[in-house]
Amino acid sequence: MVLLAVLPFFIGLILIAFIIIAAVKNKEGGEKMIRHLYTYLVLFATLMMVIGGGISIFMATADLVSPPAYYQSYSDFKMMKESEKISQDDKNTLSEDELRTQYDQLIEDEEQRQKNNAVNQIIKSLGFIVIPLPIFIYFNRLRKKIIET
């Protein structure tokens, strides 16, 4: 498990070492090669962020359209209320209609909470598109200028 967490770091170090070795061997094009590599790394990173943001928006929209179901059944809710009543030595007994009303309200509140979370996630995910997209566009234009010259 720890190996998987450290693996990207080591791969990055090995990649950087190869780049430095190649730049030292080829002194004339070393700076140009590092510039190309930097541009492509920025393009890759920003593209991955935009794709991740798009996927996250899609998933949050699915949760907004069809929120996850509430899993507590009415019988479980009823047993929980009865056990609370016993533990508190409460003499007030709720009727079946009052219990059903409370259960329906609980389901409605949970569904609204899920929708609010989905909207919040959409807003957060937009940041993963709006922030890196201009950077991607800028570096892509820079890449095209580098290729033309």
Protein backbone atom coordinates (compact mmCIF):
# COMPACT_ATOMS: atom_id res chain seq x y z
CA MET A 1 0.00 0.00 0.00
CA VAL A 2 2.79 2.40 0.92
CA LEU A 3 4.62 1.32 -2.23
CA LEU A 4 1.73 2.53 -4.38
CA ALA A 5 1.77 5.90 -2.65
CA VAL A 6 5.52 6.36 -3.16
CA LEU A 7 5.69 4.89 -6.69
CA PRO A 8 4.66 8.08 -8.57
CA PHE A 9 7.31 10.04 -6.69
CA PHE A 10 10.05 7.62 -7.73
CA ILE A 11 8.83 7.51 -11.32
CA GLY A 12 8.97 11.31 -11.38
CA LEU A 13 12.51 11.29 -9.99
CA ILE A 14 13.64 8.76 -12.59
CA LEU A 15 12.02 10.81 -15.35
CA ILE A 16 13.75 13.98 -14.15
CA ALA A 17 17.08 12.14 -13.97
CA PHE A 18 16.73 10.97 -17.59
CA ILE A 19 15.89 14.51 -18.67
CA ILE A 20 18.93 15.95 -16.92
CA ILE A 21 21.20 13.27 -18.42
CA ALA A 22 19.82 13.92 -21.91
CA ALA A 23 20.22 17.68 -21.48
CA VAL A 24 23.84 17.33 -20.33
CA LYS A 25 24.72 15.04 -23.26
CA ASN A 26 23.11 17.35 -25.78
CA LYS A 27 24.14 20.84 -24.63
CA GLU A 28 23.00 22.62 -27.79
CA GLY A 29 19.38 21.49 -27.66
CA GLY A 30 19.20 20.93 -23.91
CA GLU A 31 17.45 24.15 -23.06
CA LYS A 32 15.07 23.74 -25.97
CA MET A 33 14.32 20.16 -24.97
CA ILE A 34 13.62 21.17 -21.36
CA ARG A 35 11.33 23.92 -22.61
CA HIS A 36 9.43 21.43 -24.77
CA LEU A 37 9.20 18.97 -21.92
CA TYR A 38 7.99 21.61 -19.48
CA THR A 39 5.34 22.75 -21.94
CA TYR A 40 4.10 19.21 -22.51
CA LEU A 41 4.08 18.43 -18.77
CA VAL A 42 1.98 21.53 -18.07
CA LEU A 43 -0.36 20.62 -20.94
CA PHE A 44 -0.70 17.08 -19.60
CA ALA A 45 -1.34 18.18 -16.00
CA THR A 46 -3.92 20.80 -16.94
CA LEU A 47 -5.65 18.44 -19.35
CA MET A 48 -5.92 15.79 -16.62
CA MET A 49 -7.40 18.39 -14.27
CA VAL A 50 -9.98 19.46 -16.85
CA ILE A 51 -10.92 15.84 -17.59
CA GLY A 52 -11.18 15.05 -13.87
CA GLY A 53 -13.38 18.11 -13.35
CA GLY A 54 -15.62 17.06 -16.23
CA ILE A 55 -16.02 13.56 -14.84
CA SER A 56 -16.77 14.95 -11.39
CA ILE A 57 -19.40 17.31 -12.81
CA PHE A 58 -21.04 14.41 -14.64
CA MET A 59 -21.14 12.31 -11.47
CA ALA A 60 -22.50 15.17 -9.37
CA THR A 61 -25.15 15.90 -12.00
CA ALA A 62 -26.21 12.26 -11.86
CA ASP A 63 -26.53 12.57 -8.07
CA LEU A 64 -28.55 15.75 -8.52
CA VAL A 65 -30.93 14.20 -11.03
CA SER A 66 -31.28 10.91 -9.19
CA PRO A 67 -30.08 11.18 -5.58
CA PRO A 68 -28.96 8.01 -3.82
CA ALA A 69 -31.79 6.20 -2.06
CA TYR A 70 -32.29 6.43 1.68
CA TYR A 71 -31.66 2.97 3.09
CA GLN A 72 -33.37 2.97 6.49
CA SER A 73 -36.69 1.19 6.21
CA TYR A 74 -39.80 2.30 8.03
CA SER A 75 -39.70 -0.73 10.31
CA ASP A 76 -36.09 0.07 11.31
CA PHE A 77 -37.07 3.69 11.94
CA LYS A 78 -40.02 2.58 14.04
CA MET A 79 -37.87 0.19 16.11
CA MET A 80 -35.29 2.94 16.67
CA LYS A 81 -37.97 5.35 17.90
CA GLU A 82 -39.43 2.71 20.19
CA SER A 83 -36.01 1.88 21.65
CA GLU A 84 -35.38 5.60 22.27
CA LYS A 85 -38.71 5.81 24.02
CA ILE A 86 -37.84 2.84 26.26
CA SER A 87 -34.36 4.12 27.11
CA GLN A 88 -35.69 7.57 28.02
CA ASP A 89 -38.68 6.20 29.94
CA ASP A 90 -40.85 8.49 27.85
CA LYS A 91 -44.56 8.10 28.52
CA ASN A 92 -45.53 9.87 25.29
CA THR A 93 -46.29 7.33 22.64
CA LEU A 94 -46.33 8.40 19.04
CA SER A 95 -49.15 7.21 16.86
CA GLU A 96 -48.51 5.31 13.67
CA ASP A 97 -49.42 8.38 11.61
CA GLU A 98 -46.99 10.59 13.53
CA LEU A 99 -44.21 8.03 13.08
CA ARG A 100 -44.95 7.79 9.36
CA THR A 101 -44.91 11.60 9.08
CA GLN A 102 -41.54 11.77 10.85
CA TYR A 103 -40.17 9.02 8.61
CA ASP A 104 -41.37 10.76 5.45
CA GLN A 105 -39.84 14.03 6.65
CA LEU A 106 -36.57 12.24 7.37
CA ILE A 107 -36.50 10.81 3.84
CA GLU A 108 -37.32 14.20 2.31
CA ASP A 109 -34.61 15.92 4.37
CA GLU A 110 -32.04 13.29 3.38
CA GLU A 111 -32.92 13.65 -0.31
CA GLN A 112 -32.60 17.44 -0.07
CA ARG A 113 -29.24 17.06 1.68
CA GLN A 114 -28.01 14.78 -1.12
CA LYS A 115 -29.12 17.31 -3.74
CA ASN A 116 -27.39 20.15 -1.88
CA ASN A 117 -24.20 18.07 -1.73
CA ALA A 118 -24.46 17.41 -5.49
CA VAL A 119 -24.81 21.13 -6.26
CA ASN A 120 -21.85 21.85 -3.98
CA GLN A 121 -19.79 19.21 -5.80
CA ILE A 122 -20.69 20.68 -9.19
CA ILE A 123 -19.48 24.11 -8.06
CA LYS A 124 -16.23 22.63 -6.75
CA SER A 125 -15.72 20.64 -9.94
CA LEU A 126 -16.18 23.73 -12.07
CA GLY A 127 -13.03 25.04 -10.42
CA PHE A 128 -11.15 22.08 -11.87
CA ILE A 129 -12.26 23.18 -15.31
CA VAL A 130 -12.31 26.98 -15.09
CA ILE A 131 -8.89 27.37 -13.45
CA PRO A 132 -6.67 25.04 -15.54
CA LEU A 133 -8.45 25.57 -18.88
CA PRO A 134 -6.96 29.04 -19.59
CA ILE A 135 -3.53 27.72 -18.60
CA PHE A 136 -3.99 24.80 -21.00
CA ILE A 137 -5.06 27.13 -23.81
CA TYR A 138 -2.10 29.46 -23.18
CA PHE A 139 0.48 26.66 -23.15
CA ASN A 140 -1.09 25.03 -26.20
CA ARG A 141 -0.68 28.29 -28.14
CA LEU A 142 2.88 28.53 -26.81
CA ARG A 143 3.52 24.98 -28.02
CA LYS A 144 2.25 25.86 -31.49
CA LYS A 145 4.55 28.89 -31.63
CA ILE A 146 7.51 26.75 -30.55
CA ILE A 147 6.77 24.18 -33.26
CA GLU A 148 6.47 26.88 -35.94
CA THR A 149 9.88 28.38 -35.11
